[in-house]
C-alpha atoms as a PDB file:
ATOM      1  CA  MET A   1     187.358  -3.865-211.396  1.00  0.00           C
ATOM      2  CA  SER A   2     184.391  -5.046-213.831  1.00  0.00           C
ATOM      3  CA  LEU A   3     183.821  -4.612-217.470  1.00  0.00           C
ATOM      4  CA  ARG A   4     181.019  -2.207-217.035  1.00  0.00           C
ATOM      5  CA  GLY A   5     183.545   0.725-217.619  1.00  0.00           C
ATOM      6  CA  LYS A   6     184.603  -0.910-220.763  1.00  0.00           C
ATOM      7  CA  ILE A   7     180.647  -1.267-221.876  1.00  0.00           C
ATOM      8  CA  ALA A   8     180.204   2.496-220.937  1.00  0.00           C
ATOM      9  CA  ALA A   9     183.439   3.505-222.920  1.00  0.00           C
ATOM     10  CA  GLY A  10     182.100   2.021-225.811  1.00  0.00           C
ATOM     11  CA  GLY A  11     184.829  -0.791-225.921  1.00  0.00           C
ATOM     12  CA  LEU A  12     182.202  -3.544-225.632  1.00  0.00           C
ATOM     13  CA  THR A  13     178.472  -3.614-227.307  1.00  0.00           C
ATOM     14  CA  LEU A  14     175.667  -4.912-225.315  1.00  0.00           C
ATOM     15  CA  CYS A  15     173.131  -6.983-227.476  1.00  0.00           C
ATOM     16  CA  SER A  16     175.714  -7.149-230.442  1.00  0.00           C
ATOM     17  CA  SER A  17     174.524  -8.553-233.714  1.00  0.00           C
ATOM     18  CA  VAL A  18     176.748 -11.471-233.588  1.00  0.00           C
ATOM     19  CA  LEU A  19     175.446 -12.391-230.188  1.00  0.00           C
ATOM     20  CA  VAL A  20     171.799 -12.121-231.374  1.00  0.00           C
ATOM     21  CA  LEU A  21     172.507 -14.365-234.584  1.00  0.00           C
ATOM     22  CA  PHE A  22     174.490 -16.791-232.530  1.00  0.00           C
ATOM     23  CA  LEU A  23     171.375 -17.238-229.940  1.00  0.00           C
ATOM     24  CA  GLY A  24     169.018 -17.630-233.149  1.00  0.00           C
ATOM     25  CA  THR A  25     171.237 -20.396-234.029  1.00  0.00           C
ATOM     26  CA  TRP A  26     171.154 -22.122-230.665  1.00  0.00           C
ATOM     27  CA  GLU A  27     167.675 -20.917-229.323  1.00  0.00           C
ATOM     28  CA  GLY A  28     165.564 -20.375-232.172  1.00  0.00           C
ATOM     29  CA  ASN A  29     164.226 -18.225-234.575  1.00  0.00           C
ATOM     30  CA  GLY A  30     160.680 -17.414-235.077  1.00  0.00           C
ATOM     31  CA  GLN A  31     159.920 -19.191-231.693  1.00  0.00           C
ATOM     32  CA  ASN A  32     156.828 -17.339-231.224  1.00  0.00           C
ATOM     33  CA  THR A  33     154.493 -19.370-229.352  1.00  0.00           C
ATOM     34  CA  VAL A  34     155.278 -20.757-226.011  1.00  0.00           C
ATOM     35  CA  TYR A  35     156.149 -24.049-225.823  1.00  0.00           C
ATOM     36  CA  ALA A  36     157.609 -26.308-222.855  1.00  0.00           C
ATOM     37  CA  ASP A  37     161.099 -26.971-223.454  1.00  0.00           C
ATOM     38  CA  LYS A  38     161.866 -30.697-222.852  1.00  0.00           C
ATOM     39  CA  LEU A  39     165.693 -30.124-222.416  1.00  0.00           C
ATOM     40  CA  ALA A  40     164.632 -28.066-219.381  1.00  0.00           C
ATOM     41  CA  GLN A  41     161.872 -30.180-217.697  1.00  0.00           C
ATOM     42  CA  GLY A  42     158.999 -28.335-219.470  1.00  0.00           C
ATOM     43  CA  LEU A  43     160.031 -24.981-218.612  1.00  0.00           C
ATOM     44  CA  PRO A  44     157.785 -22.628-220.542  1.00  0.00           C
ATOM     45  CA  THR A  45     159.870 -20.800-223.144  1.00  0.00           C
ATOM     46  CA  VAL A  46     159.623 -18.398-226.299  1.00  0.00           C
ATOM     47  CA  CYS A  47     161.184 -16.191-228.592  1.00  0.00           C
ATOM     48  CA  LYS A  48     165.300 -16.842-228.096  1.00  0.00           C
ATOM     49  CA  GLY A  49     165.140 -18.596-224.670  1.00  0.00           C
ATOM     50  CA  ILE A  50     162.887 -16.633-222.721  1.00  0.00           C
ATOM     51  CA  THR A  51     161.604 -17.946-219.898  1.00  0.00           C
ATOM     52  CA  ARG A  52     159.608 -17.068-216.628  1.00  0.00           C
ATOM     53  CA  TYR A  53     163.270 -16.576-214.891  1.00  0.00           C
ATOM     54  CA  THR A  54     164.098 -13.747-217.278  1.00  0.00           C
ATOM     55  CA  SER A  55     161.140 -12.424-218.588  1.00  0.00           C
ATOM     56  CA  PRO A  56     159.240  -9.270-217.166  1.00  0.00           C
ATOM     57  CA  TYR A  57     156.089 -10.610-218.525  1.00  0.00           C
ATOM     58  CA  PRO A  58     154.193 -14.133-217.934  1.00  0.00           C
ATOM     59  CA  VAL A  59     155.429 -16.948-220.023  1.00  0.00           C
ATOM     60  CA  ILE A  60     152.413 -18.993-220.676  1.00  0.00           C
ATOM     61  CA  ILE A  61     152.415 -22.413-222.691  1.00  0.00           C
ATOM     62  CA  GLY A  62     150.136 -21.723-225.914  1.00  0.00           C
ATOM     63  CA  ASP A  63     150.268 -17.658-225.859  1.00  0.00           C
ATOM     64  CA  TYR A  64     151.627 -15.959-229.032  1.00  0.00           C
ATOM     65  CA  TRP A  65     154.601 -13.316-228.844  1.00  0.00           C
ATOM     66  CA  SER A  66     154.608 -11.256-231.698  1.00  0.00           C
ATOM     67  CA  ASP A  67     158.292 -10.783-233.322  1.00  0.00           C
ATOM     68  CA  ALA A  68     158.039  -6.862-231.975  1.00  0.00           C
ATOM     69  CA  HIS A  69     157.283  -8.183-228.720  1.00  0.00           C
ATOM     70  CA  CYS A  70     160.076 -11.215-228.823  1.00  0.00           C
ATOM     71  CA  SER A  71     162.545  -8.470-229.937  1.00  0.00           C
ATOM     72  CA  GLU A  72     161.788  -6.369-227.291  1.00  0.00           C
ATOM     73  CA  VAL A  73     161.748  -8.725-224.135  1.00  0.00           C
ATOM     74  CA  GLU A  74     164.818 -10.307-225.921  1.00  0.00           C
ATOM     75  CA  GLN A  75     166.973  -6.829-225.960  1.00  0.00           C
ATOM     76  CA  LEU A  76     166.068  -6.286-222.310  1.00  0.00           C
ATOM     77  CA  VAL A  77     166.808  -9.853-221.041  1.00  0.00           C
ATOM     78  CA  ILE A  78     170.426 -10.025-222.937  1.00  0.00           C
ATOM     79  CA  ARG A  79     171.170  -6.468-221.896  1.00  0.00           C
ATOM     80  CA  LYS A  80     170.407  -7.314-218.431  1.00  0.00           C
ATOM     81  CA  GLY A  81     172.205 -10.403-218.547  1.00  0.00           C
ATOM     82  CA  GLN A  82     175.431  -8.916-219.934  1.00  0.00           C
ATOM     83  CA  LEU A  83     175.484  -6.363-217.030  1.00  0.00           C
ATOM     84  CA  GLN A  84     175.367  -9.111-214.717  1.00  0.00           C
ATOM     85  CA  LEU A  85     178.271 -10.802-216.636  1.00  0.00           C
ATOM     86  CA  ALA A  86     180.376  -7.841-216.978  1.00  0.00           C
ATOM     87  CA  ASP A  87     180.224  -7.435-213.036  1.00  0.00           C
ATOM     88  CA  CYS A  88     181.599 -10.835-212.478  1.00  0.00           C
ATOM     89  CA  ILE A  89     184.470 -10.446-215.158  1.00  0.00           C
ATOM     90  CA  THR A  90     187.581  -8.653-213.946  1.00  0.00           C
ATOM     91  CA  ASN A  91     189.890  -9.474-216.813  1.00  0.00           C
ATOM     92  CA  GLN A  92     189.703  -5.692-219.240  1.00  0.00           C
ATOM     93  CA  LYS A  93     191.394  -7.808-221.968  1.00  0.00           C
ATOM     94  CA  VAL A  94     188.139  -9.631-222.750  1.00  0.00           C
ATOM     95  CA  GLY A  95     186.993  -8.827-226.352  1.00  0.00           C
ATOM     96  CA  GLN A  96     183.677  -8.824-227.779  1.00  0.00           C
ATOM     97  CA  ASN A  97     183.580 -12.068-229.121  1.00  0.00           C
ATOM     98  CA  THR A  98     184.642 -13.534-225.518  1.00  0.00           C
ATOM     99  CA  PHE A  99     182.023 -11.458-224.117  1.00  0.00           C
ATOM    100  CA  ASP A 100     179.365 -12.690-226.774  1.00  0.00           C
ATOM    101  CA  ALA A 101     179.978 -16.253-226.015  1.00  0.00           C
ATOM    102  CA  LEU A 102     180.115 -15.908-222.389  1.00  0.00           C
ATOM    103  CA  SER A 103     176.782 -14.052-222.748  1.00  0.00           C
ATOM    104  CA  SER A 104     175.257 -17.182-224.776  1.00  0.00           C
ATOM    105  CA  HIS A 105     176.549 -19.575-222.258  1.00  0.00           C
ATOM    106  CA  GLY A 106     174.895 -17.281-219.276  1.00  0.00           C
ATOM    107  CA  HIS A 107     171.619 -17.059-221.201  1.00  0.00           C
ATOM    108  CA  ASN A 108     171.188 -20.710-221.913  1.00  0.00           C
ATOM    109  CA  VAL A 109     172.535 -21.766-217.961  1.00  0.00           C
ATOM    110  CA  GLY A 110     171.903 -18.786-216.070  1.00  0.00           C
ATOM    111  CA  MET A 111     174.362 -15.926-215.198  1.00  0.00           C
ATOM    112  CA  PRO A 112     174.907 -17.180-211.897  1.00  0.00           C
ATOM    113  CA  SER A 113     175.956 -20.338-213.041  1.00  0.00           C
ATOM    114  CA  THR A 114     178.690 -19.013-215.865  1.00  0.00           C
ATOM    115  CA  CYS A 115     180.061 -16.186-213.170  1.00  0.00           C
ATOM    116  CA  ALA A 116     181.012 -19.277-210.932  1.00  0.00           C
ATOM    117  CA  SER A 117     182.154 -21.442-213.691  1.00  0.00           C
ATOM    118  CA  ARG A 118     185.670 -22.617-214.257  1.00  0.00           C
ATOM    119  CA  ALA A 119     185.563 -20.970-217.689  1.00  0.00           C
ATOM    120  CA  VAL A 120     185.121 -17.545-215.880  1.00  0.00           C
ATOM    121  CA  GLY A 121     187.805 -18.221-213.201  1.00  0.00           C
ATOM    122  CA  LEU A 122     190.439 -19.227-216.069  1.00  0.00           C
ATOM    123  CA  ILE A 123     189.580 -15.790-218.035  1.00  0.00           C
ATOM    124  CA  ASN A 124     189.674 -13.641-214.925  1.00  0.00           C
ATOM    125  CA  SER A 125     192.916 -14.950-214.125  1.00  0.00           C
ATOM    126  CA  GLY A 126     194.395 -14.009-217.661  1.00  0.00           C
ATOM    127  CA  ARG A 127     193.751 -17.396-219.173  1.00  0.00           C
ATOM    128  CA  ILE A 128     191.406 -16.616-221.765  1.00  0.00           C
ATOM    129  CA  LYS A 129     192.019 -19.365-224.262  1.00  0.00           C
ATOM    130  CA  ASP A 130     191.913 -21.988-221.410  1.00  0.00           C
ATOM    131  CA  GLY A 131     188.752 -20.412-220.110  1.00  0.00           C
ATOM    132  CA  CYS A 132     186.858 -20.445-223.456  1.00  0.00           C
ATOM    133  CA  ASN A 133     188.092 -24.078-223.830  1.00  0.00           C
ATOM    134  CA  ALA A 134     186.315 -24.643-220.550  1.00  0.00           C
ATOM    135  CA  LEU A 135     183.323 -23.834-221.739  1.00  0.00           C
ATOM    136  CA  ALA A 136     183.008 -27.078-223.365  1.00  0.00           C
ATOM    137  CA  TRP A 137     185.661 -29.307-221.857  1.00  0.00           C
ATOM    138  CA  ALA A 138     186.647 -30.470-218.317  1.00  0.00           C
ATOM    139  CA  ALA A 139     189.939 -29.654-217.101  1.00  0.00           C
ATOM    140  CA  ASP A 140     191.239 -33.055-218.538  1.00  0.00           C
ATOM    141  CA  GLY A 141     190.273 -31.667-222.041  1.00  0.00           C
ATOM    142  CA  LYS A 142     188.484 -35.074-222.960  1.00  0.00           C
ATOM    143  CA  THR A 143     185.316 -34.886-220.897  1.00  0.00           C
ATOM    144  CA  PRO A 144     182.330 -32.618-222.096  1.00  0.00           C
ATOM    145  CA  VAL A 145     180.685 -29.851-219.689  1.00  0.00           C
ATOM    146  CA  TRP A 146     177.731 -27.708-219.765  1.00  0.00           C
ATOM    147  CA  ALA A 147     176.193 -30.331-222.037  1.00  0.00           C
ATOM    148  CA  TYR A 148     174.107 -32.820-219.551  1.00  0.00           C
ATOM    149  CA  VAL A 149     170.044 -32.520-218.571  1.00  0.00           C
ATOM    150  CA  THR A 150     168.619 -33.989-215.472  1.00  0.00           C
ATOM    151  CA  THR A 151     166.255 -36.785-216.462  1.00  0.00           C
ATOM    152  CA  ALA A 152     165.429 -37.970-212.960  1.00  0.00           C
ATOM    153  CA  PRO A 153     166.642 -37.098-209.660  1.00  0.00           C
ATOM    154  CA  GLY A 154     170.241 -38.209-209.416  1.00  0.00           C
ATOM    155  CA  GLN A 155     170.254 -39.238-213.235  1.00  0.00           C
ATOM    156  CA  LYS A 156     171.795 -37.056-215.949  1.00  0.00           C
ATOM    157  CA  GLU A 157     171.802 -37.707-219.700  1.00  0.00           C
ATOM    158  CA  PHE A 158     174.517 -36.305-222.229  1.00  0.00           C
ATOM    159  CA  VAL A 159     172.804 -34.143-225.024  1.00  0.00           C
ATOM    160  CA  ARG A 160     174.617 -33.841-228.434  1.00  0.00           C
ATOM    161  CA  GLY A 161     173.069 -30.586-229.157  1.00  0.00           C
ATOM    162  CA  LEU A 162     174.284 -28.821-225.988  1.00  0.00           C
ATOM    163  CA  HIS A 163     177.650 -29.908-226.661  1.00  0.00           C
ATOM    164  CA  ARG A 164     177.647 -28.625-229.817  1.00  0.00           C
ATOM    165  CA  ARG A 165     176.662 -25.379-228.594  1.00  0.00           C
ATOM    166  CA  ARG A 166     179.036 -25.485-226.199  1.00  0.00           C
ATOM    167  CA  LEU A 167     181.905 -26.085-228.880  1.00  0.00           C
ATOM    168  CA  ALA A 168     180.355 -23.090-230.642  1.00  0.00           C
ATOM    169  CA  GLU A 169     180.655 -20.940-227.888  1.00  0.00           C
ATOM    170  CA  ALA A 170     184.148 -22.115-227.310  1.00  0.00           C
ATOM    171  CA  GLU A 171     185.067 -21.195-230.750  1.00  0.00           C
ATOM    172  CA  LEU A 172     183.283 -18.011-230.886  1.00  0.00           C
ATOM    173  CA  CYS A 173     184.989 -17.016-227.365  1.00  0.00           C
ATOM    174  CA  LYS A 174     188.588 -17.877-229.198  1.00  0.00           C
ATOM    175  CA  ALA A 175     187.400 -16.018-232.389  1.00  0.00           C
ATOM    176  CA  GLY A 176     190.287 -12.807-232.506  1.00  0.00           C
ATOM    177  CA  LEU A 177     192.432 -13.809-229.850  1.00  0.00           C
END
């Protein structure tokens, strides 16, 4: 069973204010002009991390999106992503903070990657705290994960800012446990 029933019953909120504020911290507030995201190999990005992969509208470098348009598309994209996430989480004990942290992770790396992650596997097996830690750390507890970008074929570079985001997601994930 997934979390969709918990959402329908009001046990979890889609697009919570905590999540929207969290995304603003890490994806940017006031990013109304589409820019080439250098961490994503120049992928056109706008608002709070909206790209051509998530937006129902074209995302073209240099275009300007109003605050209202950003808000509309962000709500749509976040809700759609969270419904995908809810389908891959089978642990009914997942609370709002954990759901929001996983939502942020999926918003940044893609929901299919988050759903296939060690973090979600641990959470689904009942090990929520361990799963939260897996958002930022490998199984050895020392090696950062989800904090690297591809710089050339076969080459990756550690990005301190991405690791700080992963640490913040892990803390949000554990808040209230």
